[in-house]
Amino acid sequence: MAAELLFVYGSLRRGQSAHELLHGCSRQPDGVLMGFELIEHDGYPMLQPGGQAVTGEVYGISPARWQAIDAWEEAPEVYQRARRQLQDGRLVWVYQRPEPLWI
């Protein structure tokens, strides 16, 4: 199975605390996610719907890597992994605030 794209905006970004989870993943051109905003959740950024643009890094993730990343993001309990479209049209996975909690 081919790698799928992951949009990262917090601790998984280069130079941040969990970036080592992406070691060996292919870095793609950065992207912009429209219609969302970043909030703080227990000291970490979290995406939720909003009227802003969020810029992030994009990585190609192999199927074997998803379990470790989901565990780090505490998905689906704390963060929810969802498919979103970037401003440039690429489909990516993002970790966001779980939908039932959206206000």
PDB file of N, CA and C in Angstrom:
ATOM      1  N   MET A   1       0.849  -1.186   0.000  1.00  0.00           N
ATOM      2  CA  MET A   1       0.000   0.000   0.000  1.00  0.00           C
ATOM      3  C   MET A   1       0.892   1.247   0.000  1.00  0.00           C
ATOM      4  N   ALA A   2       0.504   2.236  -0.756  1.00  0.00           N
ATOM      5  CA  ALA A   2       1.284   3.463  -0.890  1.00  0.00           C
ATOM      6  C   ALA A   2       1.168   4.346   0.340  1.00  0.00           C
ATOM      7  N   ALA A   3       2.140   5.210   0.496  1.00  0.00           N
ATOM      8  CA  ALA A   3       2.116   6.174   1.593  1.00  0.00           C
ATOM      9  C   ALA A   3       0.959   7.150   1.401  1.00  0.00           C
ATOM     10  N   GLU A   4       0.392   7.582   2.518  1.00  0.00           N
ATOM     11  CA  GLU A   4      -0.645   8.613   2.498  1.00  0.00           C
ATOM     12  C   GLU A   4      -0.073   9.859   3.162  1.00  0.00           C
ATOM     13  N   LEU A   5      -0.660  10.996   2.850  1.00  0.00           N
ATOM     14  CA  LEU A   5      -0.130  12.262   3.338  1.00  0.00           C
ATOM     15  C   LEU A   5      -0.708  12.633   4.699  1.00  0.00           C
ATOM     16  N   LEU A   6       0.166  13.154   5.557  1.00  0.00           N
ATOM     17  CA  LEU A   6      -0.212  13.646   6.876  1.00  0.00           C
ATOM     18  C   LEU A   6       0.200  15.111   6.973  1.00  0.00           C
ATOM     19  N   PHE A   7      -0.740  15.962   7.400  1.00  0.00           N
ATOM     20  CA  PHE A   7      -0.514  17.392   7.630  1.00  0.00           C
ATOM     21  C   PHE A   7      -0.232  17.565   9.115  1.00  0.00           C
ATOM     22  N   VAL A   8       0.928  18.117   9.460  1.00  0.00           N
ATOM     23  CA  VAL A   8       1.278  18.304  10.876  1.00  0.00           C
ATOM     24  C   VAL A   8       1.484  19.786  11.177  1.00  0.00           C
ATOM     25  N   TYR A   9       1.064  20.188  12.374  1.00  0.00           N
ATOM     26  CA  TYR A   9       1.073  21.598  12.750  1.00  0.00           C
ATOM     27  C   TYR A   9       1.565  21.819  14.167  1.00  0.00           C
ATOM     28  N   GLY A  10       1.950  20.758  14.871  1.00  0.00           N
ATOM     29  CA  GLY A  10       2.337  20.887  16.275  1.00  0.00           C
ATOM     30  C   GLY A  10       3.571  20.077  16.608  1.00  0.00           C
ATOM     31  N   SER A  11       3.440  19.167  17.563  1.00  0.00           N
ATOM     32  CA  SER A  11       4.590  18.434  18.095  1.00  0.00           C
ATOM     33  C   SER A  11       5.235  17.479  17.101  1.00  0.00           C
ATOM     34  N   LEU A  12       4.587  17.185  15.981  1.00  0.00           N
ATOM     35  CA  LEU A  12       5.187  16.319  14.960  1.00  0.00           C
ATOM     36  C   LEU A  12       6.044  17.100  13.946  1.00  0.00           C
ATOM     37  N   ARG A  13       5.988  18.421  13.974  1.00  0.00           N
ATOM     38  CA  ARG A  13       6.785  19.235  13.042  1.00  0.00           C
ATOM     39  C   ARG A  13       8.286  19.072  13.307  1.00  0.00           C
ATOM     40  N   ARG A  14       9.062  19.366  12.291  1.00  0.00           N
ATOM     41  CA  ARG A  14      10.519  19.305  12.416  1.00  0.00           C
ATOM     42  C   ARG A  14      10.972  20.191  13.574  1.00  0.00           C
ATOM     43  N   GLY A  15      11.837  19.643  14.420  1.00  0.00           N
ATOM     44  CA  GLY A  15      12.364  20.382  15.561  1.00  0.00           C
ATOM     45  C   GLY A  15      11.500  20.314  16.799  1.00  0.00           C
ATOM     46  N   GLN A  16      10.358  19.635  16.729  1.00  0.00           N
ATOM     47  CA  GLN A  16       9.457  19.545  17.876  1.00  0.00           C
ATOM     48  C   GLN A  16       9.590  18.184  18.568  1.00  0.00           C
ATOM     49  N   SER A  17       8.919  18.028  19.708  1.00  0.00           N
ATOM     50  CA  SER A  17       9.132  16.888  20.599  1.00  0.00           C
ATOM     51  C   SER A  17       8.840  15.512  20.008  1.00  0.00           C
ATOM     52  N   ALA A  18       7.919  15.395  19.075  1.00  0.00           N
ATOM     53  CA  ALA A  18       7.544  14.074  18.555  1.00  0.00           C
ATOM     54  C   ALA A  18       7.961  13.864  17.104  1.00  0.00           C
ATOM     55  N   HIS A  19       8.784  14.744  16.577  1.00  0.00           N
ATOM     56  CA  HIS A  19       9.166  14.629  15.164  1.00  0.00           C
ATOM     57  C   HIS A  19       9.856  13.301  14.852  1.00  0.00           C
ATOM     58  N   GLU A  20      10.515  12.707  15.836  1.00  0.00           N
ATOM     59  CA  GLU A  20      11.204  11.434  15.587  1.00  0.00           C
ATOM     60  C   GLU A  20      10.246  10.339  15.117  1.00  0.00           C
ATOM     61  N   LEU A  21       8.960  10.482  15.409  1.00  0.00           N
ATOM     62  CA  LEU A  21       7.970   9.503  14.916  1.00  0.00           C
ATOM     63  C   LEU A  21       7.873   9.524  13.388  1.00  0.00           C
ATOM     64  N   LEU A  22       8.336  10.606  12.767  1.00  0.00           N
ATOM     65  CA  LEU A  22       8.282  10.735  11.311  1.00  0.00           C
ATOM     66  C   LEU A  22       9.625  10.436  10.658  1.00  0.00           C
ATOM     67  N   HIS A  23      10.586   9.935  11.434  1.00  0.00           N
ATOM     68  CA  HIS A  23      11.900   9.613  10.892  1.00  0.00           C
ATOM     69  C   HIS A  23      11.754   8.642   9.719  1.00  0.00           C
ATOM     70  N   GLY A  24      12.340   8.998   8.588  1.00  0.00           N
ATOM     71  CA  GLY A  24      12.274   8.164   7.399  1.00  0.00           C
ATOM     72  C   GLY A  24      11.067   8.432   6.515  1.00  0.00           C
ATOM     73  N   CYS A  25      10.134   9.259   6.971  1.00  0.00           N
ATOM     74  CA  CYS A  25       8.968   9.616   6.155  1.00  0.00           C
ATOM     75  C   CYS A  25       9.379  10.714   5.168  1.00  0.00           C
ATOM     76  N   SER A  26       8.777  10.705   4.009  1.00  0.00           N
ATOM     77  CA  SER A  26       9.171  11.674   2.982  1.00  0.00           C
ATOM     78  C   SER A  26       8.477  13.020   3.198  1.00  0.00           C
ATOM     79  N   ARG A  27       9.278  14.053   3.313  1.00  0.00           N
ATOM     80  CA  ARG A  27       8.751  15.411   3.469  1.00  0.00           C
ATOM     81  C   ARG A  27       8.250  15.894   2.119  1.00  0.00           C
ATOM     82  N   GLN A  28       7.070  16.429   2.100  1.00  0.00           N
ATOM     83  CA  GLN A  28       6.442  16.980   0.907  1.00  0.00           C
ATOM     84  C   GLN A  28       6.396  18.499   1.052  1.00  0.00           C
ATOM     85  N   PRO A  29       6.004  19.219   0.010  1.00  0.00           N
ATOM     86  CA  PRO A  29       5.854  20.674   0.162  1.00  0.00           C
ATOM     87  C   PRO A  29       4.838  21.001   1.270  1.00  0.00           C
ATOM     88  N   ASP A  30       5.123  22.037   2.033  1.00  0.00           N
ATOM     89  CA  ASP A  30       4.203  22.474   3.085  1.00  0.00           C
ATOM     90  C   ASP A  30       2.846  22.800   2.478  1.00  0.00           C
ATOM     91  N   GLY A  31       1.827  22.863   3.339  1.00  0.00           N
ATOM     92  CA  GLY A  31       0.479  23.138   2.855  1.00  0.00           C
ATOM     93  C   GLY A  31      -0.279  24.066   3.777  1.00  0.00           C
ATOM     94  N   VAL A  32      -1.436  24.500   3.297  1.00  0.00           N
ATOM     95  CA  VAL A  32      -2.312  25.402   4.049  1.00  0.00           C
ATOM     96  C   VAL A  32      -3.690  24.760   4.129  1.00  0.00           C
ATOM     97  N   LEU A  33      -4.220  24.681   5.348  1.00  0.00           N
ATOM     98  CA  LEU A  33      -5.555  24.146   5.604  1.00  0.00           C
ATOM     99  C   LEU A  33      -6.473  25.322   5.910  1.00  0.00           C
ATOM    100  N   MET A  34      -7.454  25.524   5.056  1.00  0.00           N
ATOM    101  CA  MET A  34      -8.377  26.652   5.213  1.00  0.00           C
ATOM    102  C   MET A  34      -9.575  26.242   6.069  1.00  0.00           C
ATOM    103  N   GLY A  35     -10.174  27.232   6.751  1.00  0.00           N
ATOM    104  CA  GLY A  35     -11.401  26.992   7.507  1.00  0.00           C
ATOM    105  C   GLY A  35     -11.205  26.316   8.842  1.00  0.00           C
ATOM    106  N   PHE A  36     -10.000  26.391   9.379  1.00  0.00           N
ATOM    107  CA  PHE A  36      -9.704  25.824  10.696  1.00  0.00           C
ATOM    108  C   PHE A  36      -8.958  26.852  11.513  1.00  0.00           C
ATOM    109  N   GLU A  37      -8.806  26.573  12.796  1.00  0.00           N
ATOM    110  CA  GLU A  37      -8.012  27.406  13.687  1.00  0.00           C
ATOM    111  C   GLU A  37      -7.337  26.495  14.692  1.00  0.00           C
ATOM    112  N   LEU A  38      -6.280  27.006  15.302  1.00  0.00           N
ATOM    113  CA  LEU A  38      -5.578  26.259  16.341  1.00  0.00           C
ATOM    114  C   LEU A  38      -6.021  26.764  17.701  1.00  0.00           C
ATOM    115  N   ILE A  39      -6.350  25.805  18.563  1.00  0.00           N
ATOM    116  CA  ILE A  39      -6.639  26.105  19.960  1.00  0.00           C
ATOM    117  C   ILE A  39      -5.614  25.360  20.803  1.00  0.00           C
ATOM    118  N   GLU A  40      -5.558  25.630  22.081  1.00  0.00           N
ATOM    119  CA  GLU A  40      -4.655  24.909  22.969  1.00  0.00           C
ATOM    120  C   GLU A  40      -5.440  23.863  23.744  1.00  0.00           C
ATOM    121  N   HIS A  41      -4.893  22.648  23.797  1.00  0.00           N
ATOM    122  CA  HIS A  41      -5.496  21.544  24.550  1.00  0.00           C
ATOM    123  C   HIS A  41      -4.394  20.902  25.379  1.00  0.00           C
ATOM    124  N   ASP A  42      -4.447  21.062  26.687  1.00  0.00           N
ATOM    125  CA  ASP A  42      -3.436  20.499  27.595  1.00  0.00           C
ATOM    126  C   ASP A  42      -2.013  20.851  27.170  1.00  0.00           C
ATOM    127  N   GLY A  43      -1.818  22.073  26.709  1.00  0.00           N
ATOM    128  CA  GLY A  43      -0.495  22.535  26.339  1.00  0.00           C
ATOM    129  C   GLY A  43      -0.072  22.222  24.918  1.00  0.00           C
ATOM    130  N   TYR A  44      -0.955  21.591  24.146  1.00  0.00           N
ATOM    131  CA  TYR A  44      -0.644  21.236  22.755  1.00  0.00           C
ATOM    132  C   TYR A  44      -1.634  21.923  21.827  1.00  0.00           C
ATOM    133  N   PRO A  45      -1.206  22.226  20.598  1.00  0.00           N
ATOM    134  CA  PRO A  45      -2.159  22.787  19.636  1.00  0.00           C
ATOM    135  C   PRO A  45      -3.134  21.725  19.153  1.00  0.00           C
ATOM    136  N   MET A  46      -4.351  22.153  18.857  1.00  0.00           N
ATOM    137  CA  MET A  46      -5.388  21.260  18.348  1.00  0.00           C
ATOM    138  C   MET A  46      -6.183  22.013  17.296  1.00  0.00           C
ATOM    139  N   LEU A  47      -6.464  21.359  16.182  1.00  0.00           N
ATOM    140  CA  LEU A  47      -7.283  21.954  15.123  1.00  0.00           C
ATOM    141  C   LEU A  47      -8.753  21.850  15.448  1.00  0.00           C
ATOM    142  N   GLN A  48      -9.485  22.888  15.119  1.00  0.00           N
ATOM    143  CA  GLN A  48     -10.940  22.842  15.152  1.00  0.00           C
ATOM    144  C   GLN A  48     -11.447  23.765  14.047  1.00  0.00           C
ATOM    145  N   PRO A  49     -12.682  23.590  13.620  1.00  0.00           N
ATOM    146  CA  PRO A  49     -13.222  24.472  12.574  1.00  0.00           C
ATOM    147  C   PRO A  49     -13.148  25.935  13.006  1.00  0.00           C
ATOM    148  N   GLY A  50     -12.856  26.784  12.062  1.00  0.00           N
ATOM    149  CA  GLY A  50     -12.759  28.211  12.339  1.00  0.00           C
ATOM    150  C   GLY A  50     -12.526  28.947  11.035  1.00  0.00           C
ATOM    151  N   GLY A  51     -12.376  30.223  11.122  1.00  0.00           N
ATOM    152  CA  GLY A  51     -12.252  31.033   9.930  1.00  0.00           C
ATOM    153  C   GLY A  51     -10.826  31.401   9.560  1.00  0.00           C
ATOM    154  N   GLN A  52      -9.876  30.596   9.944  1.00  0.00           N
ATOM    155  CA  GLN A  52      -8.478  30.933   9.692  1.00  0.00           C
ATOM    156  C   GLN A  52      -7.833  29.954   8.713  1.00  0.00           C
ATOM    157  N   ALA A  53      -6.601  30.229   8.386  1.00  0.00           N
ATOM    158  CA  ALA A  53      -5.769  29.342   7.578  1.00  0.00           C
ATOM    159  C   ALA A  53      -4.635  28.842   8.474  1.00  0.00           C
ATOM    160  N   VAL A  54      -4.397  27.549   8.474  1.00  0.00           N
ATOM    161  CA  VAL A  54      -3.340  26.949   9.279  1.00  0.00           C
ATOM    162  C   VAL A  54      -2.286  26.383   8.327  1.00  0.00           C
ATOM    163  N   THR A  55      -1.052  26.788   8.520  1.00  0.00           N
ATOM    164  CA  THR A  55       0.057  26.295   7.705  1.00  0.00           C
ATOM    165  C   THR A  55       0.738  25.154   8.444  1.00  0.00           C
ATOM    166  N   GLY A  56       1.106  24.109   7.692  1.00  0.00           N
ATOM    167  CA  GLY A  56       1.768  22.983   8.316  1.00  0.00           C
ATOM    168  C   GLY A  56       2.672  22.243   7.357  1.00  0.00           C
ATOM    169  N   GLU A  57       3.400  21.304   7.905  1.00  0.00           N
ATOM    170  CA  GLU A  57       4.272  20.437   7.125  1.00  0.00           C
ATOM    171  C   GLU A  57       3.484  19.227   6.665  1.00  0.00           C
ATOM    172  N   VAL A  58       3.883  18.658   5.539  1.00  0.00           N
ATOM    173  CA  VAL A  58       3.195  17.504   4.974  1.00  0.00           C
ATOM    174  C   VAL A  58       4.224  16.391   4.775  1.00  0.00           C
ATOM    175  N   TYR A  59       3.851  15.179   5.198  1.00  0.00           N
ATOM    176  CA  TYR A  59       4.734  14.021   5.106  1.00  0.00           C
ATOM    177  C   TYR A  59       3.990  12.850   4.482  1.00  0.00           C
ATOM    178  N   GLY A  60       4.714  12.040   3.717  1.00  0.00           N
ATOM    179  CA  GLY A  60       4.196  10.773   3.228  1.00  0.00           C
ATOM    180  C   GLY A  60       4.409   9.726   4.305  1.00  0.00           C
ATOM    181  N   ILE A  61       3.324   9.092   4.759  1.00  0.00           N
ATOM    182  CA  ILE A  61       3.374   8.151   5.876  1.00  0.00           C
ATOM    183  C   ILE A  61       3.076   6.741   5.369  1.00  0.00           C
ATOM    184  N   SER A  62       3.949   5.796   5.680  1.00  0.00           N
ATOM    185  CA  SER A  62       3.722   4.406   5.275  1.00  0.00           C
ATOM    186  C   SER A  62       2.667   3.777   6.191  1.00  0.00           C
ATOM    187  N   PRO A  63       1.951   2.761   5.701  1.00  0.00           N
ATOM    188  CA  PRO A  63       0.904   2.132   6.515  1.00  0.00           C
ATOM    189  C   PRO A  63       1.399   1.625   7.871  1.00  0.00           C
ATOM    190  N   ALA A  64       2.621   1.140   7.932  1.00  0.00           N
ATOM    191  CA  ALA A  64       3.157   0.602   9.184  1.00  0.00           C
ATOM    192  C   ALA A  64       3.380   1.682  10.245  1.00  0.00           C
ATOM    193  N   ARG A  65       3.447   2.919   9.856  1.00  0.00           N
ATOM    194  CA  ARG A  65       3.766   4.009  10.780  1.00  0.00           C
ATOM    195  C   ARG A  65       2.528   4.568  11.498  1.00  0.00           C
ATOM    196  N   TRP A  66       1.337   4.370  10.938  1.00  0.00           N
ATOM    197  CA  TRP A  66       0.130   4.999  11.490  1.00  0.00           C
ATOM    198  C   TRP A  66      -0.170   4.606  12.932  1.00  0.00           C
ATOM    199  N   GLN A  67       0.052   3.366  13.302  1.00  0.00           N
ATOM    200  CA  GLN A  67      -0.280   2.933  14.662  1.00  0.00           C
ATOM    201  C   GLN A  67       0.484   3.742  15.713  1.00  0.00           C
ATOM    202  N   ALA A  68       1.769   3.959  15.492  1.00  0.00           N
ATOM    203  CA  ALA A  68       2.573   4.725  16.454  1.00  0.00           C
ATOM    204  C   ALA A  68       2.135   6.187  16.504  1.00  0.00           C
ATOM    205  N   ILE A  69       1.803   6.748  15.357  1.00  0.00           N
ATOM    206  CA  ILE A  69       1.382   8.152  15.330  1.00  0.00           C
ATOM    207  C   ILE A  69       0.009   8.300  15.984  1.00  0.00           C
ATOM    208  N   ASP A  70      -0.913   7.395  15.683  1.00  0.00           N
ATOM    209  CA  ASP A  70      -2.227   7.417  16.350  1.00  0.00           C
ATOM    210  C   ASP A  70      -2.069   7.313  17.866  1.00  0.00           C
ATOM    211  N   ALA A  71      -1.163   6.449  18.317  1.00  0.00           N
ATOM    212  CA  ALA A  71      -0.949   6.293  19.765  1.00  0.00           C
ATOM    213  C   ALA A  71      -0.419   7.590  20.368  1.00  0.00           C
ATOM    214  N   TRP A  72       0.542   8.246  19.705  1.00  0.00           N
ATOM    215  CA  TRP A  72       1.077   9.509  20.202  1.00  0.00           C
ATOM    216  C   TRP A  72      -0.028  10.557  20.304  1.00  0.00           C
ATOM    217  N   GLU A  73      -0.894  10.619  19.290  1.00  0.00           N
ATOM    218  CA  GLU A  73      -1.962  11.617  19.251  1.00  0.00           C
ATOM    219  C   GLU A  73      -3.185  11.203  20.084  1.00  0.00           C
ATOM    220  N   GLU A  74      -3.101  10.022  20.688  1.00  0.00           N
ATOM    221  CA  GLU A  74      -4.205   9.486  21.499  1.00  0.00           C
ATOM    222  C   GLU A  74      -5.510   9.472  20.712  1.00  0.00           C
ATOM    223  N   ALA A  75      -5.400   9.026  19.465  1.00  0.00           N
ATOM    224  CA  ALA A  75      -6.572   8.928  18.586  1.00  0.00           C
ATOM    225  C   ALA A  75      -7.229   7.563  18.769  1.00  0.00           C
ATOM    226  N   PRO A  76      -8.515   7.524  18.867  1.00  0.00           N
ATOM    227  CA  PRO A  76      -9.476   8.605  18.664  1.00  0.00           C
ATOM    228  C   PRO A  76      -9.982   9.264  19.945  1.00  0.00           C
ATOM    229  N   GLU A  77      -9.386   8.985  21.094  1.00  0.00           N
ATOM    230  CA  GLU A  77      -9.916   9.526  22.350  1.00  0.00           C
ATOM    231  C   GLU A  77      -9.701  11.027  22.493  1.00  0.00           C
ATOM    232  N   VAL A  78      -8.481  11.516  22.227  1.00  0.00           N
ATOM    233  CA  VAL A  78      -8.172  12.929  22.412  1.00  0.00           C
ATOM    234  C   VAL A  78      -8.224  13.673  21.086  1.00  0.00           C
ATOM    235  N   TYR A  79      -7.532  13.155  20.086  1.00  0.00           N
ATOM    236  CA  TYR A  79      -7.550  13.718  18.733  1.00  0.00           C
ATOM    237  C   TYR A  79      -8.253  12.731  17.819  1.00  0.00           C
ATOM    238  N   GLN A  80      -8.857  13.252  16.772  1.00  0.00           N
ATOM    239  CA  GLN A  80      -9.512  12.430  15.761  1.00  0.00           C
ATOM    240  C   GLN A  80      -8.734  12.592  14.460  1.00  0.00           C
ATOM    241  N   ARG A  81      -8.440  11.471  13.805  1.00  0.00           N
ATOM    242  CA  ARG A  81      -7.773  11.559  12.489  1.00  0.00           C
ATOM    243  C   ARG A  81      -8.847  11.661  11.424  1.00  0.00           C
ATOM    244  N   ALA A  82      -8.750  12.685  10.588  1.00  0.00           N
ATOM    245  CA  ALA A  82      -9.763  12.934   9.561  1.00  0.00           C
ATOM    246  C   ALA A  82      -9.085  13.371   8.267  1.00  0.00           C
ATOM    247  N   ARG A  83      -9.757  13.105   7.148  1.00  0.00           N
ATOM    248  CA  ARG A  83      -9.262  13.521   5.834  1.00  0.00           C
ATOM    249  C   ARG A  83      -9.732  14.942   5.564  1.00  0.00           C
ATOM    250  N   ARG A  84      -8.818  15.765   5.103  1.00  0.00           N
ATOM    251  CA  ARG A  84      -9.123  17.147   4.751  1.00  0.00           C
ATOM    252  C   ARG A  84      -8.397  17.495   3.460  1.00  0.00           C
ATOM    253  N   GLN A  85      -8.867  18.540   2.795  1.00  0.00           N
ATOM    254  CA  GLN A  85      -8.238  18.981   1.561  1.00  0.00           C
ATOM    255  C   GLN A  85      -7.496  20.279   1.813  1.00  0.00           C
ATOM    256  N   LEU A  86      -6.233  20.300   1.396  1.00  0.00           N
ATOM    257  CA  LEU A  86      -5.433  21.503   1.529  1.00  0.00           C
ATOM    258  C   LEU A  86      -5.814  22.505   0.450  1.00  0.00           C
ATOM    259  N   GLN A  87      -5.384  23.713   0.633  1.00  0.00           N
ATOM    260  CA  GLN A  87      -5.684  24.787  -0.309  1.00  0.00           C
ATOM    261  C   GLN A  87      -5.223  24.432  -1.724  1.00  0.00           C
ATOM    262  N   ASP A  88      -4.138  23.674  -1.845  1.00  0.00           N
ATOM    263  CA  ASP A  88      -3.617  23.305  -3.167  1.00  0.00           C
ATOM    264  C   ASP A  88      -4.290  22.062  -3.762  1.00  0.00           C
ATOM    265  N   GLY A  89      -5.282  21.507  -3.051  1.00  0.00           N
ATOM    266  CA  GLY A  89      -6.042  20.375  -3.572  1.00  0.00           C
ATOM    267  C   GLY A  89      -5.605  19.014  -3.067  1.00  0.00           C
ATOM    268  N   ARG A  90      -4.450  18.925  -2.408  1.00  0.00           N
ATOM    269  CA  ARG A  90      -4.003  17.619  -1.900  1.00  0.00           C
ATOM    270  C   ARG A  90      -4.911  17.146  -0.765  1.00  0.00           C
ATOM    271  N   LEU A  91      -5.207  15.842  -0.753  1.00  0.00           N
ATOM    272  CA  LEU A  91      -5.940  15.235   0.348  1.00  0.00           C
ATOM    273  C   LEU A  91      -4.936  14.730   1.375  1.00  0.00           C
ATOM    274  N   VAL A  92      -5.149  15.117   2.617  1.00  0.00           N
ATOM    275  CA  VAL A  92      -4.233  14.763   3.703  1.00  0.00           C
ATOM    276  C   VAL A  92      -5.032  14.265   4.899  1.00  0.00           C
ATOM    277  N   TRP A  93      -4.358  13.563   5.764  1.00  0.00           N
ATOM    278  CA  TRP A  93      -4.908  13.246   7.081  1.00  0.00           C
ATOM    279  C   TRP A  93      -4.465  14.343   8.032  1.00  0.00           C
ATOM    280  N   VAL A  94      -5.335  14.704   8.967  1.00  0.00           N
ATOM    281  CA  VAL A  94      -4.999  15.651  10.026  1.00  0.00           C
ATOM    282  C   VAL A  94      -5.492  15.082  11.347  1.00  0.00           C
ATOM    283  N   TYR A  95      -4.850  15.483  12.417  1.00  0.00           N
ATOM    284  CA  TYR A  95      -5.344  15.179  13.761  1.00  0.00           C
ATOM    285  C   TYR A  95      -6.038  16.442  14.252  1.00  0.00           C
ATOM    286  N   GLN A  96      -7.303  16.302  14.597  1.00  0.00           N
ATOM    287  CA  GLN A  96      -8.123  17.455  14.949  1.00  0.00           C
ATOM    288  C   GLN A  96      -8.943  17.163  16.201  1.00  0.00           C
ATOM    289  N   ARG A  97      -9.601  18.194  16.674  1.00  0.00           N
ATOM    290  CA  ARG A  97     -10.519  18.054  17.796  1.00  0.00           C
ATOM    291  C   ARG A  97     -11.634  17.097  17.370  1.00  0.00           C
ATOM    292  N   PRO A  98     -12.002  16.141  18.214  1.00  0.00           N
ATOM    293  CA  PRO A  98     -13.068  15.193  17.838  1.00  0.00           C
ATOM    294  C   PRO A  98     -14.371  15.935  17.504  1.00  0.00           C
ATOM    295  N   GLU A  99     -15.018  15.527  16.447  1.00  0.00           N
ATOM    296  CA  GLU A  99     -16.217  16.229  15.958  1.00  0.00           C
ATOM    297  C   GLU A  99     -17.331  16.394  16.982  1.00  0.00           C
ATOM    298  N   PRO A 100     -17.621  15.414  17.842  1.00  0.00           N
ATOM    299  CA  PRO A 100     -18.710  15.664  18.807  1.00  0.00           C
ATOM    300  C   PRO A 100     -18.439  16.832  19.747  1.00  0.00           C
ATOM    301  N   LEU A 101     -17.183  17.254  19.860  1.00  0.00           N
ATOM    302  CA  LEU A 101     -16.839  18.356  20.748  1.00  0.00           C
ATOM    303  C   LEU A 101     -16.869  19.715  20.066  1.00  0.00           C
ATOM    304  N   TRP A 102     -17.074  19.727  18.744  1.00  0.00           N
ATOM    305  CA  TRP A 102     -17.090  21.000  18.023  1.00  0.00           C
ATOM    306  C   TRP A 102     -18.239  21.856  18.515  1.00  0.00           C
ATOM    307  N   ILE A 103     -17.959  23.117  18.671  1.00  0.00           N
ATOM    308  CA  ILE A 103     -18.975  24.055  19.159  1.00  0.00           C
ATOM    309  C   ILE A 103     -19.471  24.891  17.998  1.00  0.00           C
TER     310      ILE A 103
END
